[in-house]
Amino acid sequence: MRPVRLGGSAFDDLEAQLPADRLDDFRRHDLRPVLEALSDDDAVWDEIAVPHGPGRRLSLVGRTVAGFHVFVTEDIDDPRPGSLVVFGLDIWLEDFPE
């Protein structure tokens, strides 16, 4: 398992883009499975996440939102090998672009 955490900017994105009454459901049903997949399966990072800016992006159809992007990079603040940090999120409540 590789360590994966949410960076401060990702927390800010959650609060700015989601109504307060949808935060818990998004975290539980959409974000958590992505973080677990990144942690458990190297192929998610190596083969599925596409290069984007300083890291990689995962584009996902949501369960509680229309869709979302998760922006991830190697975590330079965590000394454990393979550590990742989510540094950004883009969330669409409706009409996720193709």
C-alpha atoms as a PDB file:
ATOM      1  CA  MET A   1       0.000   0.000   0.000  1.00  0.00           C
ATOM      2  CA  ARG A   2       1.221   3.461  -0.810  1.00  0.00           C
ATOM      3  CA  PRO A   3       0.358   6.433   1.410  1.00  0.00           C
ATOM      4  CA  VAL A   4      -2.133   8.873  -0.127  1.00  0.00           C
ATOM      5  CA  ARG A   5      -3.360  12.062   1.537  1.00  0.00           C
ATOM      6  CA  LEU A   6      -5.380  15.167   0.760  1.00  0.00           C
ATOM      7  CA  GLY A   7      -3.351  18.353   0.641  1.00  0.00           C
ATOM      8  CA  GLY A   8      -4.676  21.615   2.067  1.00  0.00           C
ATOM      9  CA  SER A   9      -5.586  22.961  -1.358  1.00  0.00           C
ATOM     10  CA  ALA A  10      -7.768  19.893  -2.008  1.00  0.00           C
ATOM     11  CA  PHE A  11      -9.682  20.555   1.226  1.00  0.00           C
ATOM     12  CA  ASP A  12     -10.194  24.141   0.048  1.00  0.00           C
ATOM     13  CA  ASP A  13     -11.496  22.850  -3.302  1.00  0.00           C
ATOM     14  CA  LEU A  14     -14.012  20.595  -1.530  1.00  0.00           C
ATOM     15  CA  GLU A  15     -15.418  23.418   0.541  1.00  0.00           C
ATOM     16  CA  ALA A  16     -15.503  25.870  -2.371  1.00  0.00           C
ATOM     17  CA  GLN A  17     -17.131  23.543  -4.906  1.00  0.00           C
ATOM     18  CA  LEU A  18     -19.612  21.491  -2.895  1.00  0.00           C
ATOM     19  CA  PRO A  19     -22.582  22.555  -0.816  1.00  0.00           C
ATOM     20  CA  ALA A  20     -22.036  21.686   2.835  1.00  0.00           C
ATOM     21  CA  ASP A  21     -24.864  19.126   2.804  1.00  0.00           C
ATOM     22  CA  ARG A  22     -23.121  17.111   0.044  1.00  0.00           C
ATOM     23  CA  LEU A  23     -19.569  17.055   1.430  1.00  0.00           C
ATOM     24  CA  ASP A  24     -19.841  13.896   3.512  1.00  0.00           C
ATOM     25  CA  ASP A  25     -21.524  11.876   0.760  1.00  0.00           C
ATOM     26  CA  PHE A  26     -18.930  12.983  -1.808  1.00  0.00           C
ATOM     27  CA  ARG A  27     -16.059  12.119   0.520  1.00  0.00           C
ATOM     28  CA  ARG A  28     -17.517   8.709   1.359  1.00  0.00           C
ATOM     29  CA  HIS A  29     -18.920   7.558  -1.986  1.00  0.00           C
ATOM     30  CA  ASP A  30     -16.722   9.302  -4.565  1.00  0.00           C
ATOM     31  CA  LEU A  31     -13.411  10.440  -3.137  1.00  0.00           C
ATOM     32  CA  ARG A  32     -12.657   7.621  -0.718  1.00  0.00           C
ATOM     33  CA  PRO A  33     -12.776   4.848  -3.359  1.00  0.00           C
ATOM     34  CA  VAL A  34     -10.369   6.832  -5.551  1.00  0.00           C
ATOM     35  CA  LEU A  35      -7.909   7.330  -2.689  1.00  0.00           C
ATOM     36  CA  GLU A  36      -8.139   3.640  -1.802  1.00  0.00           C
ATOM     37  CA  ALA A  37      -7.529   2.641  -5.431  1.00  0.00           C
ATOM     38  CA  LEU A  38      -4.467   4.906  -5.617  1.00  0.00           C
ATOM     39  CA  SER A  39      -3.202   3.390  -2.390  1.00  0.00           C
ATOM     40  CA  ASP A  40      -3.886  -0.250  -3.232  1.00  0.00           C
ATOM     41  CA  ASP A  41      -3.160  -0.532  -6.965  1.00  0.00           C
ATOM     42  CA  ASP A  42       0.012   0.873  -8.571  1.00  0.00           C
ATOM     43  CA  ALA A  43      -1.617   0.580 -12.008  1.00  0.00           C
ATOM     44  CA  VAL A  44      -4.069   3.355 -11.115  1.00  0.00           C
ATOM     45  CA  TRP A  45      -1.150   5.772 -10.741  1.00  0.00           C
ATOM     46  CA  ASP A  46       1.130   4.278 -13.398  1.00  0.00           C
ATOM     47  CA  GLU A  47      -1.352   3.468 -16.166  1.00  0.00           C
ATOM     48  CA  ILE A  48      -4.701   5.169 -15.570  1.00  0.00           C
ATOM     49  CA  ALA A  49      -3.818   8.607 -14.178  1.00  0.00           C
ATOM     50  CA  VAL A  50      -2.788  10.829 -17.101  1.00  0.00           C
ATOM     51  CA  PRO A  51       0.100  13.312 -16.913  1.00  0.00           C
ATOM     52  CA  HIS A  52      -1.197  16.790 -16.131  1.00  0.00           C
ATOM     53  CA  GLY A  53       0.785  19.800 -14.926  1.00  0.00           C
ATOM     54  CA  PRO A  54       3.009  18.913 -11.983  1.00  0.00           C
ATOM     55  CA  GLY A  55       1.369  15.519 -11.486  1.00  0.00           C
ATOM     56  CA  ARG A  56      -1.391  13.376 -12.908  1.00  0.00           C
ATOM     57  CA  ARG A  57      -5.158  13.631 -13.316  1.00  0.00           C
ATOM     58  CA  LEU A  58      -7.931  11.114 -12.870  1.00  0.00           C
ATOM     59  CA  SER A  59     -11.263  12.006 -14.514  1.00  0.00           C
ATOM     60  CA  LEU A  60     -14.169  10.140 -12.970  1.00  0.00           C
ATOM     61  CA  VAL A  61     -17.911   9.928 -13.232  1.00  0.00           C
ATOM     62  CA  GLY A  62     -19.315  10.496  -9.766  1.00  0.00           C
ATOM     63  CA  ARG A  63     -21.896   8.725  -7.679  1.00  0.00           C
ATOM     64  CA  THR A  64     -22.983  11.843  -5.770  1.00  0.00           C
ATOM     65  CA  VAL A  65     -21.921  14.420  -8.368  1.00  0.00           C
ATOM     66  CA  ALA A  66     -21.909  14.393 -12.165  1.00  0.00           C
ATOM     67  CA  GLY A  67     -18.130  13.960 -12.265  1.00  0.00           C
ATOM     68  CA  PHE A  68     -14.809  15.151 -10.952  1.00  0.00           C
ATOM     69  CA  HIS A  69     -11.099  15.437 -11.600  1.00  0.00           C
ATOM     70  CA  VAL A  70      -8.556  14.448  -8.956  1.00  0.00           C
ATOM     71  CA  PHE A  71      -5.106  16.008  -9.359  1.00  0.00           C
ATOM     72  CA  VAL A  72      -2.330  13.998  -7.708  1.00  0.00           C
ATOM     73  CA  THR A  73       1.444  14.257  -7.446  1.00  0.00           C
ATOM     74  CA  GLU A  74       4.263  12.616  -5.541  1.00  0.00           C
ATOM     75  CA  ASP A  75       4.271  13.772  -1.927  1.00  0.00           C
ATOM     76  CA  ILE A  76       7.635  15.405  -1.247  1.00  0.00           C
ATOM     77  CA  ASP A  77       6.628  16.048   2.384  1.00  0.00           C
ATOM     78  CA  ASP A  78       6.188  12.343   3.131  1.00  0.00           C
ATOM     79  CA  PRO A  79       9.457  10.372   3.254  1.00  0.00           C
ATOM     80  CA  ARG A  80       7.762   7.014   2.608  1.00  0.00           C
ATOM     81  CA  PRO A  81       8.410   5.589  -0.865  1.00  0.00           C
ATOM     82  CA  GLY A  82       5.654   6.151  -3.413  1.00  0.00           C
ATOM     83  CA  SER A  83       3.697   8.613  -1.267  1.00  0.00           C
ATOM     84  CA  LEU A  84       1.075  10.648  -3.110  1.00  0.00           C
ATOM     85  CA  VAL A  85      -0.835  13.833  -2.328  1.00  0.00           C
ATOM     86  CA  VAL A  86      -4.062  15.087  -3.878  1.00  0.00           C
ATOM     87  CA  PHE A  87      -3.369  18.746  -4.590  1.00  0.00           C
ATOM     88  CA  GLY A  88      -6.569  19.675  -6.359  1.00  0.00           C
ATOM     89  CA  LEU A  89     -10.117  18.735  -7.255  1.00  0.00           C
ATOM     90  CA  ASP A  90     -12.513  19.974  -9.921  1.00  0.00           C
ATOM     91  CA  ILE A  91     -16.091  18.924  -9.243  1.00  0.00           C
ATOM     92  CA  TRP A  92     -19.157  19.199 -11.470  1.00  0.00           C
ATOM     93  CA  LEU A  93     -22.468  18.871  -9.700  1.00  0.00           C
ATOM     94  CA  GLU A  94     -24.250  18.531 -13.070  1.00  0.00           C
ATOM     95  CA  ASP A  95     -23.241  18.127 -16.708  1.00  0.00           C
ATOM     96  CA  PHE A  96     -19.746  16.645 -16.452  1.00  0.00           C
ATOM     97  CA  PRO A  97     -17.892  17.528 -19.669  1.00  0.00           C
ATOM     98  CA  GLU A  98     -16.891  14.656 -21.958  1.00  0.00           C
END
